[in-house]
Protein backbone atom coordinates (compact mmCIF):
# COMPACT_ATOMS: atom_id res chain seq x y z
CA MET A 1 16.85 17.41 27.99
CA LYS A 2 15.83 14.14 29.60
CA SER A 3 16.14 11.12 27.31
CA ARG A 4 12.88 9.39 26.48
CA PRO A 5 12.27 6.21 24.52
CA LEU A 6 11.41 6.30 20.84
CA PRO A 7 8.23 4.70 19.50
CA GLN A 8 8.85 1.01 18.93
CA TYR A 9 8.33 1.25 15.16
CA LEU A 10 11.20 3.76 14.92
CA SER A 11 13.70 2.26 17.34
CA ALA A 12 13.36 -1.19 15.72
CA SER A 13 14.04 0.10 12.20
CA ALA A 14 17.12 -0.85 10.22
CA PRO A 15 18.03 0.23 6.67
CA THR A 16 17.93 -2.25 3.80
CA PRO A 17 21.54 -3.32 3.12
CA ALA A 18 23.03 -2.82 -0.33
CA GLU A 19 23.42 -6.55 -0.96
CA GLN A 20 19.65 -7.06 -0.66
CA ARG A 21 18.81 -4.50 -3.34
CA ALA A 22 18.09 -5.43 -6.95
CA PRO A 23 17.58 -3.90 -10.43
CA TRP A 24 14.32 -2.08 -11.17
CA TYR A 25 13.03 -4.79 -13.50
CA LYS A 26 13.10 -7.34 -10.68
CA ASN A 27 11.09 -5.39 -8.11
CA THR A 28 9.72 -1.90 -8.72
CA ALA A 29 8.55 -2.20 -12.33
CA PRO A 30 6.75 -5.58 -12.12
CA ALA A 31 5.14 -4.70 -8.79
CA TYR A 32 3.73 -1.41 -10.05
CA ALA A 33 2.76 -2.90 -13.42
CA GLY A 34 0.76 -5.55 -11.61
CA THR A 35 -1.10 -2.80 -9.79
CA PHE A 36 -2.25 -1.18 -13.04
CA LEU A 37 -2.99 -4.49 -14.78
CA ALA A 38 -5.44 -5.45 -12.02
CA VAL A 39 -8.94 -5.23 -13.48
CA ILE A 40 -10.23 -2.88 -10.78
CA PHE A 41 -8.10 -0.09 -12.28
CA TYR A 42 -9.89 -0.02 -15.62
CA LEU A 43 -13.17 -1.79 -14.88
CA GLN A 44 -15.29 1.37 -14.65
CA MET A 45 -12.83 3.77 -16.26
CA ALA A 46 -14.79 4.30 -19.48
CA SER A 47 -18.02 5.37 -17.78
CA THR A 48 -16.78 8.88 -16.95
CA THR A 49 -14.15 9.29 -19.67
CA LEU A 50 -14.80 7.38 -22.88
CA SER A 51 -18.48 8.30 -22.63
CA GLN A 52 -17.46 11.94 -23.14
CA ALA A 53 -14.50 11.79 -25.53
CA GLY A 54 -12.78 9.65 -28.14
CA VAL A 55 -10.23 6.94 -27.47
CA ALA A 56 -7.22 9.03 -28.54
CA LEU A 57 -7.90 11.84 -26.07
CA CYS A 58 -8.53 9.38 -23.23
CA VAL A 59 -5.25 7.59 -23.94
CA LEU A 60 -3.46 10.94 -23.98
CA ALA A 61 -4.97 11.65 -20.56
CA LEU A 62 -3.70 8.27 -19.37
CA LEU A 63 -0.20 9.22 -20.49
CA VAL A 64 -0.34 12.59 -18.75
CA GLY A 65 -1.77 10.97 -15.62
CA GLY A 66 0.96 8.35 -15.64
CA LEU A 67 3.66 11.01 -15.95
CA ILE A 68 2.17 13.07 -13.12
CA ALA A 69 1.87 9.96 -10.95
CA PHE A 70 5.55 9.22 -11.62
CA GLY A 71 6.93 12.74 -11.26
CA LEU A 72 4.83 14.14 -8.41
CA PHE A 73 3.43 11.24 -6.39
CA TYR A 74 6.12 8.59 -6.63
CA TYR A 75 9.52 10.15 -7.27
CA ALA A 76 10.24 11.94 -3.97
CA PRO A 77 9.09 9.08 -1.69
CA ALA A 78 11.00 6.58 -3.83
CA MET A 79 14.19 8.64 -3.72
CA LEU A 80 13.84 8.97 0.05
CA GLY A 81 13.51 5.20 0.33
CA MET A 82 16.48 4.60 -1.98
CA LYS A 83 18.79 7.09 -0.24
CA THR A 84 18.01 5.94 3.29
CA GLY A 85 17.04 2.30 2.82
CA ARG A 86 14.00 3.10 4.96
CA PRO A 87 10.28 2.47 4.33
CA LEU A 88 7.46 5.02 4.39
CA TYR A 89 6.74 4.79 8.09
CA ILE A 90 10.34 5.88 8.83
CA VAL A 91 11.01 8.56 6.21
CA GLY A 92 7.59 10.04 7.02
CA THR A 93 8.85 11.02 10.48
CA SER A 94 10.43 14.08 8.92
CA THR A 95 7.18 15.25 7.34
CA PHE A 96 4.83 14.39 10.21
CA GLY A 97 7.10 13.97 13.26
CA VAL A 98 8.04 10.96 15.36
CA GLN A 99 4.71 11.01 17.19
CA GLY A 100 2.69 12.37 14.28
CA ASN A 101 3.80 9.75 11.78
CA TYR A 102 0.94 7.55 12.92
CA LEU A 103 -1.20 9.48 10.41
CA PRO A 104 0.26 8.09 7.15
CA GLY A 105 0.81 4.68 8.74
CA LEU A 106 -2.75 4.17 9.94
CA LEU A 107 -4.24 5.93 6.92
CA MET A 108 -2.34 3.57 4.63
CA GLY A 109 -3.76 0.63 6.56
CA LEU A 110 -7.33 1.90 6.39
CA LEU A 111 -7.19 2.58 2.66
CA GLN A 112 -5.66 -0.83 1.98
CA VAL A 113 -8.61 -2.35 3.84
CA GLY A 114 -10.78 -0.48 1.35
CA PHE A 115 -8.84 -2.04 -1.51
CA ILE A 116 -9.30 -5.49 0.06
CA GLY A 117 -13.04 -4.87 0.04
CA VAL A 118 -13.03 -3.65 -3.56
CA ILE A 119 -10.98 -6.57 -4.88
CA THR A 120 -13.03 -9.10 -2.90
CA TYR A 121 -16.26 -7.65 -4.25
CA PHE A 122 -15.19 -7.83 -7.88
CA ALA A 123 -13.47 -11.20 -7.52
CA ALA A 124 -16.77 -12.67 -6.32
CA ASP A 125 -18.67 -10.79 -9.04
CA PHE A 126 -16.36 -12.07 -11.79
CA ILE A 127 -16.58 -15.63 -10.50
CA MET A 128 -20.38 -15.46 -10.71
CA LEU A 129 -20.18 -13.91 -14.19
CA GLY A 130 -17.84 -16.71 -15.24
CA LEU A 131 -20.35 -19.26 -13.97
CA HIS A 132 -23.20 -17.35 -15.67
CA ALA A 133 -25.05 -17.51 -12.37
CA GLN A 134 -26.55 -15.17 -9.79
CA SER A 135 -26.75 -16.07 -6.10
CA ARG A 136 -26.47 -13.75 -3.13
CA VAL A 137 -25.55 -16.63 -0.83
CA ALA A 138 -22.80 -17.78 -3.20
CA VAL A 139 -21.36 -14.24 -3.41
CA ILE A 140 -21.18 -14.00 0.38
CA GLY A 141 -19.54 -17.42 0.62
CA ILE A 142 -17.00 -16.63 -2.08
CA SER A 143 -16.15 -13.29 -0.44
CA ILE A 144 -15.51 -14.93 2.93
CA VAL A 145 -13.35 -17.71 1.54
CA TRP A 146 -11.45 -15.35 -0.75
CA ALA A 147 -10.51 -12.76 1.88
CA TYR A 148 -9.67 -15.16 4.71
CA ALA A 149 -7.75 -17.63 2.55
CA LEU A 150 -5.60 -14.91 1.01
CA ALA A 151 -5.01 -13.30 4.41
CA TRP A 152 -3.55 -16.63 5.48
CA VAL A 153 -1.39 -16.73 2.34
CA ALA A 154 -0.22 -13.14 2.90
CA MET A 155 1.01 -14.05 6.38
CA ARG A 156 2.61 -17.36 5.44
CA GLY A 157 4.21 -16.86 2.06
CA ILE A 158 4.34 -13.27 0.81
CA ALA A 159 7.76 -13.92 -0.75
CA HIS A 160 6.25 -16.69 -2.87
CA VAL A 161 3.34 -14.40 -3.75
CA ALA A 162 5.79 -11.77 -5.01
CA ARG A 163 7.48 -14.32 -7.25
CA ALA A 164 4.12 -15.56 -8.50
CA GLY A 165 3.16 -12.00 -9.32
CA ASN A 166 5.91 -11.78 -11.93
CA ILE A 167 4.14 -14.59 -13.78
CA LEU A 168 0.51 -13.75 -13.04
CA ASN A 169 0.96 -10.18 -14.34
CA TRP A 170 0.97 -11.60 -17.85
CA ILE A 171 -2.53 -13.05 -17.46
CA PRO A 172 -4.53 -9.78 -17.42
CA LEU A 173 -2.30 -8.38 -20.17
CA ALA A 174 -3.11 -11.39 -22.34
CA MET A 175 -6.83 -11.05 -21.51
CA LEU A 176 -6.81 -7.37 -22.43
CA LEU A 177 -5.24 -8.21 -25.78
CA ILE A 178 -7.77 -10.96 -26.43
CA VAL A 179 -10.69 -8.60 -25.78
CA VAL A 180 -9.19 -5.94 -28.06
CA TYR A 181 -8.70 -8.50 -30.82
CA ALA A 182 -12.24 -9.83 -30.46
CA THR A 183 -13.80 -6.35 -30.60
CA ARG A 184 -11.39 -4.72 -33.06
CA GLY A 185 -14.03 -4.35 -35.74
CA GLY A 186 -16.12 -1.99 -33.65
CA VAL A 187 -13.46 0.52 -32.64
CA ALA A 188 -13.74 2.56 -35.85
CA HIS A 189 -17.53 2.82 -35.38
CA TYR A 190 -17.41 4.08 -31.81
CA GLN A 191 -18.90 7.48 -31.03
CA PRO A 192 -19.02 8.93 -27.49
CA ALA A 193 -22.48 9.52 -26.02
CA SER A 194 -21.61 13.17 -25.35
CA HIS A 195 -18.75 15.51 -26.23
CA HIS A 196 -17.05 17.00 -23.18
CA PRO A 197 -13.35 16.39 -23.85
CA ALA A 198 -12.06 18.69 -21.09
CA SER A 199 -14.19 16.93 -18.51
CA ALA A 200 -13.12 13.50 -19.77
CA PHE A 201 -9.46 14.49 -19.63
CA ALA A 202 -9.71 15.85 -16.09
CA LEU A 203 -11.68 12.86 -14.82
CA MET A 204 -9.14 10.47 -16.32
CA LEU A 205 -6.40 12.26 -14.39
CA ASP A 206 -8.50 11.88 -11.24
CA LEU A 207 -8.94 8.16 -11.82
CA VAL A 208 -5.26 7.49 -12.41
CA LEU A 209 -4.01 9.67 -9.56
CA GLY A 210 -6.70 8.58 -7.11
CA TYR A 211 -6.03 4.92 -7.82
CA PHE A 212 -2.28 5.44 -7.52
CA ALA A 213 -2.13 7.76 -4.49
CA THR A 214 -1.33 5.17 -1.81
CA ALA A 215 1.07 3.35 -4.15
CA GLY A 216 2.84 6.66 -4.78
CA ALA A 217 3.65 7.18 -1.11
CA ALA A 218 4.62 3.51 -0.91
CA GLY A 219 7.36 4.39 -3.40
CA ALA A 220 9.52 4.73 -0.30
CA ASP A 221 9.02 1.03 0.36
CA PHE A 222 9.98 0.17 -3.22
CA GLY A 223 12.88 2.62 -3.16
CA CYS A 224 14.39 0.71 -0.21
CA ASN A 225 15.09 -2.11 -2.63
CA ASN A 226 16.54 0.06 -5.40
CA ARG A 227 20.30 0.42 -5.88
CA HIS A 228 20.47 3.94 -7.30
CA ARG A 229 18.50 6.73 -8.93
CA GLY A 230 18.41 4.90 -12.27
CA ASP A 231 16.42 2.08 -10.67
CA VAL A 232 13.98 4.59 -9.20
CA VAL A 233 13.48 6.36 -12.54
CA TRP A 234 13.22 3.34 -14.83
CA GLY A 235 11.14 1.35 -12.36
CA GLY A 236 8.68 4.24 -12.21
CA LEU A 237 8.55 5.07 -15.91
CA VAL A 238 7.96 1.45 -16.92
CA GLY A 239 5.93 0.22 -13.96
CA ILE A 240 3.78 3.34 -13.60
CA THR A 241 3.62 5.49 -16.73
CA LEU A 242 3.92 2.78 -19.37
CA ALA A 243 1.77 0.30 -17.44
CA ALA A 244 -1.02 2.85 -16.93
CA VAL A 245 -1.10 3.66 -20.65
CA VAL A 246 -0.98 0.02 -21.77
CA ALA A 247 -3.55 -1.35 -19.31
CA GLY A 248 -5.91 1.59 -19.49
CA GLY A 249 -5.51 2.06 -23.25
CA LEU A 250 -6.25 -1.59 -24.06
CA ALA A 251 -9.29 -1.53 -21.78
CA LEU A 252 -10.64 1.60 -23.49
CA LEU A 253 -10.15 0.03 -26.92
CA GLY A 254 -12.00 -3.07 -25.75
CA VAL A 255 -14.96 -1.06 -24.47
CA ALA A 256 -15.08 1.12 -27.60
CA GLY A 257 -14.93 -1.95 -29.81
CA ALA A 258 -17.66 -3.76 -27.87
CA ILE A 259 -19.96 -0.74 -28.12
CA GLY A 260 -19.14 -0.36 -31.80
CA VAL A 261 -20.30 -3.91 -32.55
CA HIS A 262 -23.35 -3.52 -30.26
CA ALA A 263 -22.39 -6.32 -27.90
CA ALA A 264 -25.12 -7.59 -25.58
CA LEU A 265 -24.77 -6.88 -21.87
CA PRO A 266 -24.20 -9.85 -19.57
CA ALA A 267 -26.65 -10.49 -16.73
CA GLY A 268 -26.01 -8.15 -13.81
CA VAL A 269 -24.23 -5.48 -15.89
CA THR A 270 -26.17 -2.28 -16.47
CA SER A 271 -23.70 -0.10 -18.37
CA ILE A 272 -22.23 -0.58 -21.83
CA TYR A 273 -19.17 1.31 -20.55
CA ASP A 274 -18.40 -1.31 -17.89
CA TYR A 275 -15.44 -3.45 -18.93
CA THR A 276 -17.39 -6.59 -18.04
CA ALA A 277 -19.57 -5.86 -21.08
CA ALA A 278 -16.44 -5.87 -23.26
CA ILE A 279 -15.35 -9.21 -21.79
CA ALA A 280 -18.80 -10.68 -22.42
CA SER A 281 -18.62 -9.59 -26.07
CA VAL A 282 -15.89 -12.19 -26.66
CA GLY A 283 -18.63 -14.82 -26.71
CA ALA A 284 -18.21 -18.43 -25.59
CA LEU A 285 -14.72 -17.71 -24.31
CA SER A 286 -15.93 -14.98 -21.94
CA GLY A 287 -16.47 -17.36 -19.01
CA VAL A 288 -12.82 -18.40 -19.14
CA LEU A 289 -11.70 -14.78 -19.36
CA PHE A 290 -13.69 -13.83 -16.28
CA PHE A 291 -12.00 -16.60 -14.30
CA LEU A 292 -8.53 -15.62 -15.54
CA PHE A 293 -9.10 -12.01 -14.52
CA VAL A 294 -10.00 -13.38 -11.08
CA VAL A 295 -6.76 -15.37 -10.94
CA ALA A 296 -4.84 -12.14 -11.60
CA LEU A 297 -6.52 -10.61 -8.51
CA LEU A 298 -4.93 -13.14 -6.16
CA VAL A 299 -1.63 -11.27 -5.87
CA PRO A 300 -3.14 -7.77 -5.35
CA THR A 301 -5.37 -9.13 -2.57
CA CYS A 302 -2.39 -10.67 -0.80
CA PHE A 303 -0.31 -7.51 -1.14
CA CYS A 304 -3.12 -5.25 0.12
CA THR A 305 -3.62 -7.52 3.13
CA PHE A 306 0.11 -7.64 3.79
CA ILE A 307 0.49 -3.85 3.58
CA ALA A 308 -2.56 -3.22 5.77
CA THR A 309 -1.29 -5.71 8.34
CA ASN A 310 2.17 -4.15 8.32
CA SER A 311 0.69 -0.69 8.80
CA PHE A 312 -1.49 -1.60 11.78
CA SER A 313 0.95 -3.98 13.46
CA THR A 314 3.76 -1.42 13.15
CA MET A 315 1.79 1.55 14.40
CA LEU A 316 -0.30 -0.39 16.96
CA PRO A 317 1.85 -3.35 18.05
CA GLY A 318 -0.48 -4.46 20.84
CA ALA A 319 -2.02 -7.19 18.64
CA SER A 320 -0.16 -9.84 16.66
CA ARG A 321 0.22 -9.72 12.90
CA PRO A 322 -2.20 -12.65 12.26
CA VAL A 323 -4.85 -10.89 14.35
CA TRP A 324 -4.47 -7.74 12.28
CA ALA A 325 -4.48 -9.73 9.03
CA TYR A 326 -7.79 -11.43 9.78
CA ALA A 327 -9.26 -8.21 11.17
CA CYS A 328 -8.42 -6.47 7.87
CA ALA A 329 -9.89 -9.38 5.92
CA THR A 330 -13.08 -9.21 7.99
CA ALA A 331 -13.47 -5.50 7.35
CA GLY A 332 -12.88 -6.10 3.63
CA ILE A 333 -15.54 -8.81 3.57
CA LEU A 334 -18.07 -6.49 5.19
CA LEU A 335 -17.32 -3.79 2.62
CA ALA A 336 -17.67 -6.33 -0.19
CA ILE A 337 -20.92 -8.02 0.82
CA SER A 338 -22.56 -4.71 1.77
CA GLY A 339 -21.98 -3.40 -1.76
CA ALA A 340 -20.11 -0.35 -0.44
CA ALA A 341 -17.06 -1.42 -2.47
CA ALA A 342 -18.88 -1.39 -5.81
CA ASN A 343 -18.35 2.29 -6.69
CA LEU A 344 -14.78 2.37 -7.96
CA VAL A 345 -14.84 5.94 -9.25
CA GLY A 346 -16.01 7.26 -5.89
CA PHE A 347 -13.55 5.08 -4.00
CA PHE A 348 -10.59 6.25 -6.07
CA GLY A 349 -11.63 9.86 -5.46
CA LEU A 350 -11.74 9.24 -1.71
CA VAL A 351 -8.34 7.51 -1.73
CA GLY A 352 -6.81 10.33 -3.72
CA ALA A 353 -8.24 13.06 -1.52
CA CYS A 354 -6.93 11.34 1.61
CA PHE A 355 -3.47 10.29 0.43
CA ALA A 356 -2.47 12.79 -2.28
CA PRO A 357 -1.78 15.38 0.46
CA VAL A 358 0.61 12.92 2.12
CA CYS A 359 2.57 12.71 -1.15
CA GLY A 360 2.44 16.51 -1.57
CA ALA A 361 3.75 17.23 1.92
CA MET A 362 6.50 14.60 1.59
CA THR A 363 7.60 16.07 -1.73
CA ALA A 364 7.84 19.57 -0.27
CA ASP A 365 9.83 18.23 2.69
CA TYR A 366 12.17 16.36 0.33
CA TRP A 367 12.98 19.47 -1.72
CA LEU A 368 13.32 21.71 1.34
CA ALA A 369 15.92 19.29 2.73
CA GLY A 370 18.01 19.60 -0.44
CA ARG A 371 16.66 16.38 -1.97
CA GLN A 372 17.69 14.39 1.11
CA TRP A 373 15.99 12.98 4.16
CA SER A 374 16.40 15.52 6.93
CA GLY A 375 15.89 12.89 9.64
CA PRO A 376 13.06 12.38 12.15
CA ARG A 377 11.51 15.39 13.85
CA ARG A 378 10.41 15.63 17.46
CA GLY A 379 6.78 15.20 18.42
CA ILE A 380 4.23 16.23 15.80
CA ASN A 381 5.18 18.23 12.73
CA TRP A 382 2.16 20.51 12.45
CA ALA A 383 3.30 21.79 9.07
CA GLY A 384 2.69 18.26 7.76
CA TYR A 385 -0.63 17.84 9.54
CA LEU A 386 -2.03 21.19 8.44
CA ALA A 387 -0.87 20.55 4.89
CA TRP A 388 -2.69 17.21 4.95
CA ILE A 389 -5.89 18.76 6.38
CA VAL A 390 -5.98 21.52 3.75
CA GLY A 391 -5.20 19.05 0.97
CA CYS A 392 -7.99 16.73 2.11
CA TRP A 393 -10.41 19.64 2.31
CA VAL A 394 -9.62 20.69 -1.24
CA GLY A 395 -9.77 17.13 -2.59
CA LEU A 396 -12.95 16.05 -0.85
CA LEU A 397 -14.90 19.22 -1.58
CA ALA A 398 -13.86 19.18 -5.21
CA SER A 399 -14.43 15.46 -5.82
CA LEU A 400 -17.82 15.53 -4.07
CA HIS A 401 -18.84 18.82 -5.75
CA LEU A 402 -19.49 20.44 -2.38
CA GLY A 403 -17.40 23.55 -2.86
CA PRO A 404 -18.93 26.99 -2.30
CA VAL A 405 -17.27 28.48 -5.37
CA SER A 406 -17.36 27.55 -9.01
CA TRP A 407 -13.80 26.22 -9.36
CA GLN A 408 -14.55 23.62 -6.66
CA ARG A 409 -17.77 22.51 -8.32
CA ALA A 410 -16.25 22.17 -11.78
CA ASP A 411 -15.03 18.92 -13.26
CA HIS A 412 -11.28 18.89 -12.78
CA PRO A 413 -8.46 16.70 -11.40
CA ALA A 414 -9.43 17.08 -7.74
CA VAL A 415 -6.70 14.67 -6.63
CA LEU A 416 -4.02 16.79 -8.31
CA TYR A 417 -5.37 19.94 -6.66
CA SER A 418 -5.31 18.14 -3.31
CA TYR A 419 -1.63 17.30 -3.85
CA ILE A 420 -0.72 20.86 -4.90
CA ALA A 421 -2.57 22.40 -1.97
CA ALA A 422 -0.68 20.23 0.53
CA LEU A 423 2.67 20.89 -1.15
CA VAL A 424 2.18 24.67 -1.07
CA VAL A 425 0.86 24.75 2.51
CA TYR A 426 3.74 22.61 3.78
CA PHE A 427 6.30 24.80 2.03
CA VAL A 428 4.80 28.01 3.42
CA LEU A 429 4.45 26.68 6.99
CA ALA A 430 7.94 25.20 6.94
CA GLN A 431 9.40 28.53 5.80
CA ALA A 432 7.43 30.18 8.60
CA GLY A 433 9.24 27.97 11.13
CA LEU A 434 6.31 25.77 12.10
CA ARG A 435 8.29 22.54 11.92
CA PRO A 436 9.67 21.08 15.17
CA ALA A 437 13.39 20.55 15.62
CA LEU A 438 15.11 17.49 14.27
CA LEU A 439 15.49 14.65 16.72
CA LYS A 440 18.97 14.70 18.29
CA GLU A 441 21.04 11.60 18.84
CA THR A 442 22.20 12.79 22.28
CA GLU A 443 18.63 13.54 23.33
CA TYR A 444 17.09 10.24 22.33
CA GLY A 445 20.03 7.87 22.05
CA ALA A 446 18.83 6.99 18.55
CA SER A 447 22.05 6.39 16.66
CA GLN A 448 20.54 3.67 14.51
CA VAL A 449 17.74 5.96 13.38
CA PHE A 450 20.33 8.32 11.93
CA ALA A 451 22.19 5.67 9.98
CA GLY A 452 21.92 6.76 6.36
CA SER A 453 19.71 9.79 7.07
CA HIS A 454 21.92 12.09 4.99
CA SER A 455 23.29 9.62 2.50
């Protein structure tokens, strides 16, 4: 067969060398912990969970969600990254094909733009709450400065941002503890507004898994920097499972305590289950807390911009990285100032429905290959694409309550069902022979692509 050139993103790839890898507590665990400690994770968590069940059940759901996120969403991509030294956009060529791998790459970029919008929206909101002021013009100005300034930082000094993150992660943890201490007297008096424990449990799983879906697939990127399986496991258990329980559990205790002591709502907050109400219950110190939570959002904004820029510039190299960075920032600003980024629960459901199938298909591919990376496949792997389409269909219909049958309309972990649907469909289609052949070195002249593919 006539040799043809590989896509630039694939031919330019090189595995991460062993000497550049580090222990789990220096990379994977702190990076993932910072993701869960960011206030957007738990800001609106209580509205659909704690409102229907007690704190203990909600924390149990957090633990189960954290374990599922670790075992199903993160583990296989992370092991692929560790074994090959390759990031997501390379190891995904087995699941989606050399030409088809644009799907997870571009989808990752689009969803990270959504996260930029969400973080920008709430950073501006928290700054105004800290100032005890309301001004539409000020919010727009803050959003513009925030997104563009941090896009510049993401392009110029992401290594410094990563180091700063190891320090700044402690700020939201300290704030969570302060809120819990200040509201501790009300926890024992808390009673949920309604009693639907099964619904609360399922919705908590949806929140955790939807929030984590893109980060789960990005486990391949973290795995590149891990030395062995132990780093993958411990980095995930501490940075994902433990961090989700600690951050989410402390936030739920703060909200329950604030409601128990009948704290007054701050201006602009309409729900007693919003975590901003718990922060405001601290009293005179609340303004400082709002600003410190904002400081902790600096690193996530930079990382989201960096990941989005990497995704677009890798898949669509026609524009320079700075152009992509500022384009992503602009889109995030528009999402923020339009108010479209305000609904966190809906956004997490959308993210989960779109990206959980990617994780499900990759996991099936990993196990079918004998827990290895099989190598890149020619063209488009339709088993991966059809698995993703079915998984999205299941996730979106279930999360939006649009299903024609009762199980799709019921409250349940739609994101988990989306993952399972994609995993099963990929396995069935792969067994039916729908996957294209593996890319051959003699056909493409791609010796570097194969380095470490079966390590």
